[in-house]
């Protein structure tokens, strides 16, 4: 068995090396001692040339031999603004060369109205999103949502770090008037309450080194609730809440023509202050982490992915509880919340077809999760371990700045229930 595994890894290594060489040698017919003195972009419409030049400046000043065209393409893919990226090298003097980059911009100004009807009633609303405002990848978003039992709205703005000691800035403000129905691990409603909430915040981010970012955020929330019933362990009392957050994110990616393979690690902590009537809930804290790996296996069309993440809260108000997404799983009820959870998944994704509008991929993984449950009968801590399969279809859109639309279904084996999930990703 060990020989078989070793042989598989050797084949994958050889294939990866061949794929890398085939890209790096695109400029091999030129003198490799030529120095890259400029990068010329064609196809820019909304995006400012000055912005994209600032993102690729590390590729200028190196010889062609030391310039990895593949890394440049990966860098541009990570921007999330371009499709159909083509790169070539051109000699412009006896000692200099320039890189010619042709791109097609994705649609980044997107109005998204929607309406839906289900057993829970009618819901309508919409979001207006611009993920390339001012041609500098600033994100501006405004949205509102209405139903028979809820009203909510959000405003958000985000500016990326310039990489010159000027941090990125992200701000938001939101409002909601809702009647949440919180479920436990048995998919039963254990808590109902009416709430009016307002929140606002600002976050700063600074790139320490390539791939490593430090984040510092400040948030203020007002939460007013009434008419609650159910869970005896905590009542969702009305409070004022302020917090400071600290975080480190590391991410390293590689583009193979089908998928971005990524290694990522995130660590974060939140320290809060409230005016809770219970002194035990005056100083809530949350610690969270995430580790993810995505990489091709056997062929660029097939990638393996694994992720584990979790959140551990201390004396948190229920409005700050974690959801199933904080544990990288979908096998739990969508309305489940908890202050302590850890989980993960491991699976495969295969690119079925790459078309002019995008790519269709199928995925399947197995999920495990360990979480603290809410009980309507007891305030004592109750932890449960669950697991189950998950699978579905993803649509990667090439013309619009959405990384993926996913539709899938998962099954919770110990609890014996199915979960359907649909999600839309947005590139900010």
Foldseek 3Di string as FASTA:
>chain_A
DVVVVVVQVVLQVVVVVVLQVVQLCLAVVDDQQAFAAEEAEPADDQADPVQVCLQCVVQHGHGSVPHRVQVVVVSVVLLLFWFDWDWHWADDDPRHIHIYIYTHTFDFFDKAWDWDQDPVFIKTKIKTWGQQPNNNRKIWMWIWMDTPFKTKIKTKIWHCQSQPPRWIKIKMKMWMWGWAFAAWQLRDGFKTKTKTKIKIKMKTWHAPDVQKIKMKMKMKMWMPIDDMDGFPQDDLHTKIKIKMKIKMKGKDWGDSPADIWMWIKMKMKMWMAMPDPDPQQGIKMKIKMKTKTWDAGPDNQKIKIKMKMWMAMGSYRQVPFDAPVRQVDQQGDRNYTARTKIKMKIWMKGFPDADPFFTKIKIKIKMKMKGWTGHRPDSDTDIDIWIWMKIWMWTQTRRHSWGIWTWIKIATVVSGDIGTDIDTGGDD
